[in-house]
PDB file of all heavy atoms in Angstrom:
ATOM      1  N   THR A   1     -12.375  -4.628  -8.322  1.00  0.00           N
ATOM      2  CA  THR A   1     -12.182  -3.429  -7.499  1.00  0.00           C
ATOM      3  C   THR A   1     -11.227  -2.458  -8.207  1.00  0.00           C
ATOM      4  O   THR A   1     -11.461  -1.241  -8.253  1.00  0.00           O
ATOM      5  CB  THR A   1     -11.624  -3.805  -6.124  1.00  0.00           C
ATOM      6  OG1 THR A   1     -12.553  -4.640  -5.446  1.00  0.00           O
ATOM      7  CG2 THR A   1     -11.371  -2.547  -5.278  1.00  0.00           C
ATOM      8  N   LEU A   2     -10.155  -3.010  -8.782  1.00  0.00           N
ATOM      9  CA  LEU A   2      -9.208  -2.162  -9.510  1.00  0.00           C
ATOM     10  C   LEU A   2      -9.847  -1.575 -10.761  1.00  0.00           C
ATOM     11  O   LEU A   2      -9.595  -0.421 -11.123  1.00  0.00           O
ATOM     12  CB  LEU A   2      -7.955  -2.965  -9.870  1.00  0.00           C
ATOM     13  CG  LEU A   2      -7.087  -3.353  -8.660  1.00  0.00           C
ATOM     14  CD1 LEU A   2      -6.040  -4.380  -9.053  1.00  0.00           C
ATOM     15  CD2 LEU A   2      -6.435  -2.118  -8.048  1.00  0.00           C
ATOM     16  N   ALA A   3     -10.696  -2.351 -11.433  1.00  0.00           N
ATOM     17  CA  ALA A   3     -11.437  -1.823 -12.590  1.00  0.00           C
ATOM     18  C   ALA A   3     -12.325  -0.669 -12.163  1.00  0.00           C
ATOM     19  O   ALA A   3     -12.438   0.356 -12.869  1.00  0.00           O
ATOM     20  CB  ALA A   3     -12.257  -2.927 -13.241  1.00  0.00           C
ATOM     21  N   GLY A   4     -12.972  -0.806 -11.007  1.00  0.00           N
ATOM     22  CA  GLY A   4     -13.785   0.294 -10.483  1.00  0.00           C
ATOM     23  C   GLY A   4     -12.952   1.518 -10.175  1.00  0.00           C
ATOM     24  O   GLY A   4     -13.370   2.649 -10.443  1.00  0.00           O
ATOM     25  N   ASP A   5     -11.757   1.302  -9.635  1.00  0.00           N
ATOM     26  CA  ASP A   5     -10.870   2.430  -9.345  1.00  0.00           C
ATOM     27  C   ASP A   5     -10.455   3.140 -10.630  1.00  0.00           C
ATOM     28  O   ASP A   5     -10.360   4.383 -10.674  1.00  0.00           O
ATOM     29  CB  ASP A   5      -9.612   1.938  -8.599  1.00  0.00           C
ATOM     30  CG  ASP A   5      -9.928   1.452  -7.202  1.00  0.00           C
ATOM     31  OD1 ASP A   5     -11.026   1.747  -6.689  1.00  0.00           O
ATOM     32  OD2 ASP A   5      -9.073   0.767  -6.617  1.00  0.00           O
ATOM     33  N   LEU A   6     -10.194   2.361 -11.682  1.00  0.00           N
ATOM     34  CA  LEU A   6      -9.878   2.986 -12.972  1.00  0.00           C
ATOM     35  C   LEU A   6     -11.029   3.854 -13.464  1.00  0.00           C
ATOM     36  O   LEU A   6     -10.830   4.992 -13.903  1.00  0.00           O
ATOM     37  CB  LEU A   6      -9.573   1.887 -14.015  1.00  0.00           C
ATOM     38  CG  LEU A   6      -8.197   1.231 -13.953  1.00  0.00           C
ATOM     39  CD1 LEU A   6      -8.163   0.054 -14.928  1.00  0.00           C
ATOM     40  CD2 LEU A   6      -7.092   2.224 -14.264  1.00  0.00           C
ATOM     41  N   CYS A   7     -12.247   3.322 -13.371  1.00  0.00           N
ATOM     42  CA  CYS A   7     -13.414   4.098 -13.824  1.00  0.00           C
ATOM     43  C   CYS A   7     -13.601   5.369 -13.012  1.00  0.00           C
ATOM     44  O   CYS A   7     -13.984   6.414 -13.549  1.00  0.00           O
ATOM     45  CB  CYS A   7     -14.679   3.238 -13.726  1.00  0.00           C
ATOM     46  SG  CYS A   7     -14.755   1.919 -14.969  1.00  0.00           S
ATOM     47  N   LEU A   8     -13.293   5.297 -11.724  1.00  0.00           N
ATOM     48  CA  LEU A   8     -13.390   6.479 -10.870  1.00  0.00           C
ATOM     49  C   LEU A   8     -12.406   7.558 -11.327  1.00  0.00           C
ATOM     50  O   LEU A   8     -12.746   8.737 -11.437  1.00  0.00           O
ATOM     51  CB  LEU A   8     -13.139   6.081  -9.415  1.00  0.00           C
ATOM     52  CG  LEU A   8     -13.436   7.127  -8.350  1.00  0.00           C
ATOM     53  CD1 LEU A   8     -14.898   7.537  -8.369  1.00  0.00           C
ATOM     54  CD2 LEU A   8     -13.052   6.587  -6.972  1.00  0.00           C
ATOM     55  N   ALA A   9     -11.165   7.126 -11.627  1.00  0.00           N
ATOM     56  CA  ALA A   9     -10.170   8.078 -12.110  1.00  0.00           C
ATOM     57  C   ALA A   9     -10.557   8.623 -13.485  1.00  0.00           C
ATOM     58  O   ALA A   9     -10.424   9.828 -13.749  1.00  0.00           O
ATOM     59  CB  ALA A   9      -8.807   7.397 -12.180  1.00  0.00           C
ATOM     60  N   TRP A  10     -11.059   7.767 -14.341  1.00  0.00           N
ATOM     61  CA  TRP A  10     -11.411   8.196 -15.697  1.00  0.00           C
ATOM     62  C   TRP A  10     -12.606   9.152 -15.692  1.00  0.00           C
ATOM     63  O   TRP A  10     -12.730  10.009 -16.564  1.00  0.00           O
ATOM     64  CB  TRP A  10     -11.708   6.995 -16.580  1.00  0.00           C
ATOM     65  CG  TRP A  10     -10.509   6.109 -16.805  1.00  0.00           C
ATOM     66  CD1 TRP A  10      -9.197   6.443 -16.595  1.00  0.00           C
ATOM     67  CD2 TRP A  10     -10.515   4.745 -17.263  1.00  0.00           C
ATOM     68  NE1 TRP A  10      -8.379   5.379 -16.912  1.00  0.00           N
ATOM     69  CE2 TRP A  10      -9.163   4.326 -17.323  1.00  0.00           C
ATOM     70  CE3 TRP A  10     -11.515   3.864 -17.633  1.00  0.00           C
ATOM     71  CZ2 TRP A  10      -8.805   3.033 -17.735  1.00  0.00           C
ATOM     72  CZ3 TRP A  10     -11.174   2.583 -18.042  1.00  0.00           C
ATOM     73  CH2 TRP A  10      -9.824   2.179 -18.094  1.00  0.00           C
ATOM     74  N   SER A  11     -13.510   8.997 -14.730  1.00  0.00           N
ATOM     75  CA  SER A  11     -14.638   9.921 -14.655  1.00  0.00           C
ATOM     76  C   SER A  11     -14.144  11.344 -14.417  1.00  0.00           C
ATOM     77  O   SER A  11     -14.639  12.305 -15.019  1.00  0.00           O
ATOM     78  CB  SER A  11     -15.615   9.506 -13.542  1.00  0.00           C
ATOM     79  OG  SER A  11     -15.075   9.730 -12.250  1.00  0.00           O
ATOM     80  N   ASP A  12     -13.149  11.481 -13.560  1.00  0.00           N
ATOM     81  CA  ASP A  12     -12.572  12.791 -13.289  1.00  0.00           C
ATOM     82  C   ASP A  12     -11.848  13.329 -14.523  1.00  0.00           C
ATOM     83  O   ASP A  12     -11.957  14.510 -14.875  1.00  0.00           O
ATOM     84  CB  ASP A  12     -11.616  12.673 -12.107  1.00  0.00           C
ATOM     85  CG  ASP A  12     -11.187  14.021 -11.570  1.00  0.00           C
ATOM     86  OD1 ASP A  12     -10.263  14.618 -12.153  1.00  0.00           O
ATOM     87  OD2 ASP A  12     -11.778  14.485 -10.575  1.00  0.00           O
ATOM     88  N   GLU A  13     -11.131  12.430 -15.201  1.00  0.00           N
ATOM     89  CA  GLU A  13     -10.384  12.840 -16.387  1.00  0.00           C
ATOM     90  C   GLU A  13     -11.306  13.328 -17.504  1.00  0.00           C
ATOM     91  O   GLU A  13     -11.022  14.326 -18.185  1.00  0.00           O
ATOM     92  CB  GLU A  13      -9.540  11.662 -16.884  1.00  0.00           C
ATOM     93  CG  GLU A  13      -8.658  12.012 -18.076  1.00  0.00           C
ATOM     94  CD  GLU A  13      -7.771  10.845 -18.498  1.00  0.00           C
ATOM     95  OE1 GLU A  13      -7.537   9.916 -17.686  1.00  0.00           O
ATOM     96  OE2 GLU A  13      -7.323  10.855 -19.662  1.00  0.00           O
ATOM     97  N   LEU A  14     -12.435  12.638 -17.703  1.00  0.00           N
ATOM     98  CA  LEU A  14     -13.372  13.066 -18.752  1.00  0.00           C
ATOM     99  C   LEU A  14     -13.914  14.464 -18.477  1.00  0.00           C
ATOM    100  O   LEU A  14     -14.028  15.279 -19.396  1.00  0.00           O
ATOM    101  CB  LEU A  14     -14.533  12.061 -18.839  1.00  0.00           C
ATOM    102  CG  LEU A  14     -14.386  10.949 -19.874  1.00  0.00           C
ATOM    103  CD1 LEU A  14     -15.506   9.933 -19.716  1.00  0.00           C
ATOM    104  CD2 LEU A  14     -14.380  11.503 -21.287  1.00  0.00           C
ATOM    105  N   LEU A  15     -14.263  14.715 -17.223  1.00  0.00           N
ATOM    106  CA  LEU A  15     -14.754  16.046 -16.893  1.00  0.00           C
ATOM    107  C   LEU A  15     -13.672  17.080 -17.105  1.00  0.00           C
ATOM    108  O   LEU A  15     -13.899  18.137 -17.716  1.00  0.00           O
ATOM    109  CB  LEU A  15     -15.261  16.081 -15.456  1.00  0.00           C
ATOM    110  CG  LEU A  15     -15.808  17.422 -14.975  1.00  0.00           C
ATOM    111  CD1 LEU A  15     -17.078  17.798 -15.733  1.00  0.00           C
ATOM    112  CD2 LEU A  15     -16.078  17.412 -13.472  1.00  0.00           C
ATOM    113  N   ALA A  16     -12.477  16.815 -16.603  1.00  0.00           N
ATOM    114  CA  ALA A  16     -11.401  17.809 -16.628  1.00  0.00           C
ATOM    115  C   ALA A  16     -10.940  18.130 -18.044  1.00  0.00           C
ATOM    116  O   ALA A  16     -10.488  19.244 -18.322  1.00  0.00           O
ATOM    117  CB  ALA A  16     -10.223  17.302 -15.797  1.00  0.00           C
ATOM    118  N   THR A  17     -11.052  17.174 -18.969  1.00  0.00           N
ATOM    119  CA  THR A  17     -10.535  17.364 -20.327  1.00  0.00           C
ATOM    120  C   THR A  17     -11.640  17.498 -21.374  1.00  0.00           C
ATOM    121  O   THR A  17     -11.372  17.386 -22.565  1.00  0.00           O
ATOM    122  CB  THR A  17      -9.618  16.178 -20.720  1.00  0.00           C
ATOM    123  OG1 THR A  17     -10.397  14.972 -20.740  1.00  0.00           O
ATOM    124  CG2 THR A  17      -8.464  16.038 -19.746  1.00  0.00           C
ATOM    125  N   CYS A  18     -12.862  17.777 -20.932  1.00  0.00           N
ATOM    126  CA  CYS A  18     -13.994  17.797 -21.857  1.00  0.00           C
ATOM    127  C   CYS A  18     -13.972  18.956 -22.829  1.00  0.00           C
ATOM    128  O   CYS A  18     -14.625  18.913 -23.875  1.00  0.00           O
ATOM    129  CB  CYS A  18     -15.318  17.792 -21.082  1.00  0.00           C
ATOM    130  SG  CYS A  18     -15.627  19.344 -20.193  1.00  0.00           S
ATOM    131  N   GLY A  19     -13.256  20.013 -22.516  1.00  0.00           N
ATOM    132  CA  GLY A  19     -13.173  21.172 -23.403  1.00  0.00           C
ATOM    133  C   GLY A  19     -14.029  22.349 -22.989  1.00  0.00           C
ATOM    134  O   GLY A  19     -13.968  23.404 -23.627  1.00  0.00           O
ATOM    135  N   LEU A  20     -14.832  22.208 -21.934  1.00  0.00           N
ATOM    136  CA  LEU A  20     -15.561  23.362 -21.423  1.00  0.00           C
ATOM    137  C   LEU A  20     -14.563  24.353 -20.808  1.00  0.00           C
ATOM    138  O   LEU A  20     -13.453  23.986 -20.431  1.00  0.00           O
ATOM    139  CB  LEU A  20     -16.580  22.929 -20.371  1.00  0.00           C
ATOM    140  CG  LEU A  20     -17.789  22.138 -20.881  1.00  0.00           C
ATOM    141  CD1 LEU A  20     -18.673  21.713 -19.717  1.00  0.00           C
ATOM    142  CD2 LEU A  20     -18.600  22.925 -21.903  1.00  0.00           C
ATOM    143  N   SER A  21     -14.987  25.583 -20.674  1.00  0.00           N
ATOM    144  CA  SER A  21     -14.088  26.620 -20.175  1.00  0.00           C
ATOM    145  C   SER A  21     -13.705  26.339 -18.725  1.00  0.00           C
ATOM    146  O   SER A  21     -14.462  25.692 -17.983  1.00  0.00           O
ATOM    147  CB  SER A  21     -14.771  27.982 -20.244  1.00  0.00           C
ATOM    148  OG  SER A  21     -15.832  28.059 -19.295  1.00  0.00           O
ATOM    149  N   PRO A  22     -12.531  26.824 -18.309  1.00  0.00           N
ATOM    150  CA  PRO A  22     -12.135  26.644 -16.909  1.00  0.00           C
ATOM    151  C   PRO A  22     -13.169  27.205 -15.936  1.00  0.00           C
ATOM    152  O   PRO A  22     -13.384  26.622 -14.865  1.00  0.00           O
ATOM    153  CB  PRO A  22     -10.803  27.407 -16.832  1.00  0.00           C
ATOM    154  CG  PRO A  22     -10.244  27.342 -18.214  1.00  0.00           C
ATOM    155  CD  PRO A  22     -11.447  27.430 -19.116  1.00  0.00           C
ATOM    156  N   SER A  23     -13.814  28.308 -16.302  1.00  0.00           N
ATOM    157  CA  SER A  23     -14.803  28.895 -15.380  1.00  0.00           C
ATOM    158  C   SER A  23     -16.029  27.984 -15.263  1.00  0.00           C
ATOM    159  O   SER A  23     -16.596  27.837 -14.162  1.00  0.00           O
ATOM    160  CB  SER A  23     -15.213  30.279 -15.864  1.00  0.00           C
ATOM    161  OG  SER A  23     -15.803  30.220 -17.159  1.00  0.00           O
ATOM    162  N   ALA A  24     -16.443  27.363 -16.357  1.00  0.00           N
ATOM    163  CA  ALA A  24     -17.577  26.451 -16.305  1.00  0.00           C
ATOM    164  C   ALA A  24     -17.247  25.230 -15.449  1.00  0.00           C
ATOM    165  O   ALA A  24     -18.048  24.806 -14.610  1.00  0.00           O
ATOM    166  CB  ALA A  24     -17.965  26.000 -17.720  1.00  0.00           C
TER     167      ALA A  24
END
């Protein structure tokens, strides 16, 4: 369950730090 929670947080982090523009 905790591993799943980590993956959930990391999914958000990957999107937020992917390098696409803030508007995109």
